[in-house]
Amino acid sequence: MTTLTVNIDNKKSEKAIKAVLDALGLDYSIDQNSSNTQRALNKDEQRVYKNLKSSIGQIKLHQEGKIELRDAKQLLDEL
């Protein structure tokens, strides 16, 4: 079992994350009294964070109509 800790400051984002976890059928718990201490990310975590941040940026640009994203078929054809 893997545990993932996510600190969310925005209620709107919290609802979105909960919806994604529910859609994926994952169990989660909410700790409202969590301390706000943060540790430094290791190299793997930094890589994942960088990739997620880049992906979210691309999604925002797509939603603004500034870029066109590839669909799954194009991705599979490329492989």
N, C-alpha and C. Protein backbone atom coordinates (compact mmCIF):
# COMPACT_ATOMS: atom_id res chain seq x y z
N MET A 1 0.85 -1.18 0.00
CA MET A 1 0.00 0.00 0.00
C MET A 1 0.89 1.23 0.00
N THR A 2 0.53 2.21 -0.79
CA THR A 2 1.27 3.46 -0.88
C THR A 2 0.43 4.57 -0.28
N THR A 3 1.08 5.45 0.46
CA THR A 3 0.40 6.60 1.04
C THR A 3 0.88 7.85 0.34
N LEU A 4 -0.04 8.67 -0.07
CA LEU A 4 0.27 9.94 -0.72
C LEU A 4 -0.33 11.05 0.12
N THR A 5 0.49 12.02 0.48
CA THR A 5 0.01 13.15 1.26
C THR A 5 -0.05 14.37 0.35
N VAL A 6 -1.21 15.01 0.30
CA VAL A 6 -1.41 16.19 -0.53
C VAL A 6 -1.91 17.31 0.35
N ASN A 7 -1.21 18.44 0.32
CA ASN A 7 -1.64 19.61 1.08
C ASN A 7 -2.38 20.55 0.14
N ILE A 8 -3.64 20.83 0.45
CA ILE A 8 -4.47 21.65 -0.42
C ILE A 8 -4.96 22.85 0.37
N ASP A 9 -4.70 24.05 -0.16
CA ASP A 9 -5.13 25.27 0.50
C ASP A 9 -6.45 25.80 -0.06
N ASN A 10 -6.86 25.33 -1.21
CA ASN A 10 -8.02 25.85 -1.92
C ASN A 10 -9.16 24.84 -1.87
N LYS A 11 -10.32 25.25 -1.35
CA LYS A 11 -11.47 24.34 -1.23
C LYS A 11 -11.94 23.82 -2.59
N LYS A 12 -11.86 24.67 -3.61
CA LYS A 12 -12.28 24.25 -4.95
C LYS A 12 -11.37 23.13 -5.47
N SER A 13 -10.08 23.27 -5.24
CA SER A 13 -9.14 22.24 -5.64
C SER A 13 -9.36 20.97 -4.84
N GLU A 14 -9.68 21.13 -3.58
CA GLU A 14 -9.93 19.96 -2.72
C GLU A 14 -11.08 19.14 -3.28
N LYS A 15 -12.15 19.80 -3.69
CA LYS A 15 -13.30 19.09 -4.25
C LYS A 15 -12.92 18.36 -5.53
N ALA A 16 -12.10 19.00 -6.35
CA ALA A 16 -11.68 18.39 -7.62
C ALA A 16 -10.82 17.15 -7.35
N ILE A 17 -9.90 17.25 -6.41
CA ILE A 17 -9.04 16.12 -6.08
C ILE A 17 -9.87 14.97 -5.52
N LYS A 18 -10.82 15.28 -4.66
CA LYS A 18 -11.68 14.23 -4.10
C LYS A 18 -12.48 13.55 -5.21
N ALA A 19 -12.96 14.33 -6.18
CA ALA A 19 -13.72 13.75 -7.29
C ALA A 19 -12.85 12.82 -8.12
N VAL A 20 -11.61 13.19 -8.35
CA VAL A 20 -10.69 12.34 -9.11
C VAL A 20 -10.42 11.04 -8.35
N LEU A 21 -10.16 11.16 -7.06
CA LEU A 21 -9.90 9.96 -6.25
C LEU A 21 -11.11 9.04 -6.22
N ASP A 22 -12.30 9.63 -6.09
CA ASP A 22 -13.53 8.84 -6.12
C ASP A 22 -13.70 8.14 -7.47
N ALA A 23 -13.45 8.87 -8.55
CA ALA A 23 -13.60 8.30 -9.89
C ALA A 23 -12.64 7.15 -10.12
N LEU A 24 -11.47 7.23 -9.51
CA LEU A 24 -10.48 6.16 -9.64
C LEU A 24 -10.73 5.02 -8.66
N GLY A 25 -11.69 5.20 -7.78
CA GLY A 25 -12.02 4.16 -6.81
C GLY A 25 -10.98 4.03 -5.70
N LEU A 26 -10.28 5.10 -5.39
CA LEU A 26 -9.24 5.06 -4.37
C LEU A 26 -9.79 5.49 -3.02
N ASP A 27 -9.27 4.87 -1.96
CA ASP A 27 -9.63 5.26 -0.61
C ASP A 27 -8.76 6.43 -0.18
N TYR A 28 -9.33 7.34 0.58
CA TYR A 28 -8.57 8.48 1.08
C TYR A 28 -9.14 8.92 2.40
N SER A 29 -8.32 9.62 3.16
CA SER A 29 -8.79 10.20 4.41
C SER A 29 -8.37 11.66 4.42
N ILE A 30 -9.12 12.45 5.15
CA ILE A 30 -8.88 13.88 5.21
C ILE A 30 -8.50 14.24 6.63
N ASP A 31 -7.35 14.90 6.77
CA ASP A 31 -6.87 15.35 8.06
C ASP A 31 -6.90 16.87 8.06
N GLN A 32 -7.92 17.44 8.66
CA GLN A 32 -8.08 18.89 8.68
C GLN A 32 -7.09 19.58 9.61
N ASN A 33 -6.53 18.83 10.57
CA ASN A 33 -5.66 19.43 11.58
C ASN A 33 -4.19 19.15 11.30
N SER A 34 -3.86 18.85 10.08
CA SER A 34 -2.50 18.52 9.71
C SER A 34 -1.57 19.71 9.96
N SER A 35 -0.39 19.42 10.47
CA SER A 35 0.57 20.51 10.65
C SER A 35 1.10 20.92 9.29
N ASN A 36 1.55 22.12 9.18
CA ASN A 36 1.96 22.67 7.89
C ASN A 36 3.47 22.54 7.67
N THR A 37 4.08 21.54 8.33
CA THR A 37 5.51 21.33 8.13
C THR A 37 5.72 20.60 6.82
N GLN A 38 6.68 21.07 6.04
CA GLN A 38 6.96 20.46 4.76
C GLN A 38 8.42 20.05 4.72
N ARG A 39 8.69 18.91 4.12
CA ARG A 39 10.05 18.46 3.94
C ARG A 39 10.47 18.71 2.51
N ALA A 40 11.72 18.71 2.27
CA ALA A 40 12.24 18.93 0.92
C ALA A 40 11.92 17.70 0.06
N LEU A 41 11.65 17.93 -1.21
CA LEU A 41 11.36 16.84 -2.13
C LEU A 41 12.66 16.16 -2.55
N ASN A 42 12.61 14.82 -2.68
CA ASN A 42 13.78 14.15 -3.21
C ASN A 42 13.78 14.27 -4.73
N LYS A 43 14.80 13.75 -5.40
CA LYS A 43 14.93 13.95 -6.85
C LYS A 43 13.76 13.35 -7.62
N ASP A 44 13.30 12.18 -7.24
CA ASP A 44 12.16 11.56 -7.93
C ASP A 44 10.90 12.39 -7.75
N GLU A 45 10.68 12.88 -6.54
CA GLU A 45 9.51 13.70 -6.27
C GLU A 45 9.58 15.03 -7.04
N GLN A 46 10.78 15.59 -7.13
CA GLN A 46 10.95 16.83 -7.89
C GLN A 46 10.64 16.60 -9.37
N ARG A 47 11.06 15.46 -9.90
CA ARG A 47 10.80 15.13 -11.31
C ARG A 47 9.30 14.99 -11.55
N VAL A 48 8.61 14.28 -10.65
CA VAL A 48 7.16 14.10 -10.79
C VAL A 48 6.46 15.45 -10.68
N TYR A 49 6.87 16.28 -9.72
CA TYR A 49 6.28 17.61 -9.55
C TYR A 49 6.46 18.45 -10.81
N LYS A 50 7.68 18.43 -11.36
CA LYS A 50 7.97 19.20 -12.56
C LYS A 50 7.10 18.73 -13.73
N ASN A 51 6.97 17.40 -13.89
CA ASN A 51 6.15 16.86 -14.97
C ASN A 51 4.67 17.21 -14.81
N LEU A 52 4.17 17.12 -13.58
CA LEU A 52 2.77 17.47 -13.33
C LEU A 52 2.52 18.96 -13.58
N LYS A 53 3.44 19.79 -13.14
CA LYS A 53 3.30 21.23 -13.33
C LYS A 53 3.28 21.56 -14.82
N SER A 54 4.15 20.92 -15.58
CA SER A 54 4.20 21.12 -17.03
C SER A 54 2.90 20.67 -17.69
N SER A 55 2.40 19.51 -17.27
CA SER A 55 1.16 18.97 -17.84
C SER A 55 -0.02 19.89 -17.54
N ILE A 56 -0.09 20.39 -16.33
CA ILE A 56 -1.19 21.29 -15.97
C ILE A 56 -1.09 22.58 -16.78
N GLY A 57 0.12 23.06 -17.00
CA GLY A 57 0.31 24.24 -17.84
C GLY A 57 -0.18 24.01 -19.26
N GLN A 58 0.10 22.82 -19.82
CA GLN A 58 -0.37 22.49 -21.16
C GLN A 58 -1.89 22.40 -21.21
N ILE A 59 -2.49 21.85 -20.17
CA ILE A 59 -3.95 21.76 -20.11
C ILE A 59 -4.57 23.15 -20.09
N LYS A 60 -3.98 24.05 -19.30
CA LYS A 60 -4.50 25.43 -19.24
C LYS A 60 -4.39 26.11 -20.60
N LEU A 61 -3.24 25.93 -21.29
CA LEU A 61 -3.09 26.52 -22.61
C LEU A 61 -4.09 25.94 -23.60
N HIS A 62 -4.37 24.65 -23.48
CA HIS A 62 -5.36 24.01 -24.35
C HIS A 62 -6.75 24.58 -24.08
N GLN A 63 -7.09 24.75 -22.81
CA GLN A 63 -8.39 25.29 -22.45
C GLN A 63 -8.55 26.73 -22.95
N GLU A 64 -7.45 27.46 -23.03
CA GLU A 64 -7.49 28.83 -23.54
C GLU A 64 -7.46 28.86 -25.06
N GLY A 65 -7.32 27.70 -25.69
CA GLY A 65 -7.30 27.61 -27.14
C GLY A 65 -5.97 27.99 -27.76
N LYS A 66 -4.92 28.02 -26.97
CA LYS A 66 -3.61 28.43 -27.48
C LYS A 66 -2.81 27.28 -28.07
N ILE A 67 -3.08 26.04 -27.63
CA ILE A 67 -2.40 24.88 -28.21
C ILE A 67 -3.41 23.76 -28.42
N GLU A 68 -3.07 22.85 -29.30
CA GLU A 68 -3.90 21.67 -29.56
C GLU A 68 -3.18 20.45 -28.99
N LEU A 69 -3.85 19.67 -28.17
CA LEU A 69 -3.25 18.49 -27.57
C LEU A 69 -3.47 17.28 -28.46
N ARG A 70 -2.53 16.33 -28.39
CA ARG A 70 -2.68 15.09 -29.14
C ARG A 70 -3.73 14.22 -28.46
N ASP A 71 -4.45 13.45 -29.25
CA ASP A 71 -5.38 12.51 -28.65
C ASP A 71 -4.66 11.18 -28.43
N ALA A 72 -5.31 10.25 -27.74
CA ALA A 72 -4.69 8.98 -27.38
C ALA A 72 -4.28 8.18 -28.62
N LYS A 73 -5.09 8.24 -29.68
CA LYS A 73 -4.77 7.49 -30.90
C LYS A 73 -3.46 7.99 -31.50
N GLN A 74 -3.26 9.28 -31.55
CA GLN A 74 -2.01 9.84 -32.09
C GLN A 74 -0.83 9.39 -31.23
N LEU A 75 -1.00 9.37 -29.94
CA LEU A 75 0.06 8.94 -29.05
C LEU A 75 0.41 7.47 -29.29
N LEU A 76 -0.61 6.62 -29.38
CA LEU A 76 -0.37 5.20 -29.61
C LEU A 76 0.25 4.94 -30.96
N ASP A 77 -0.17 5.70 -31.98
CA ASP A 77 0.42 5.55 -33.32
C ASP A 77 1.90 5.89 -33.29
N GLU A 78 2.26 6.86 -32.46
CA GLU A 78 3.66 7.28 -32.36
C GLU A 78 4.52 6.20 -31.71
N LEU A 79 3.91 5.43 -30.82
CA LEU A 79 4.67 4.38 -30.13
C LEU A 79 4.89 3.23 -31.08
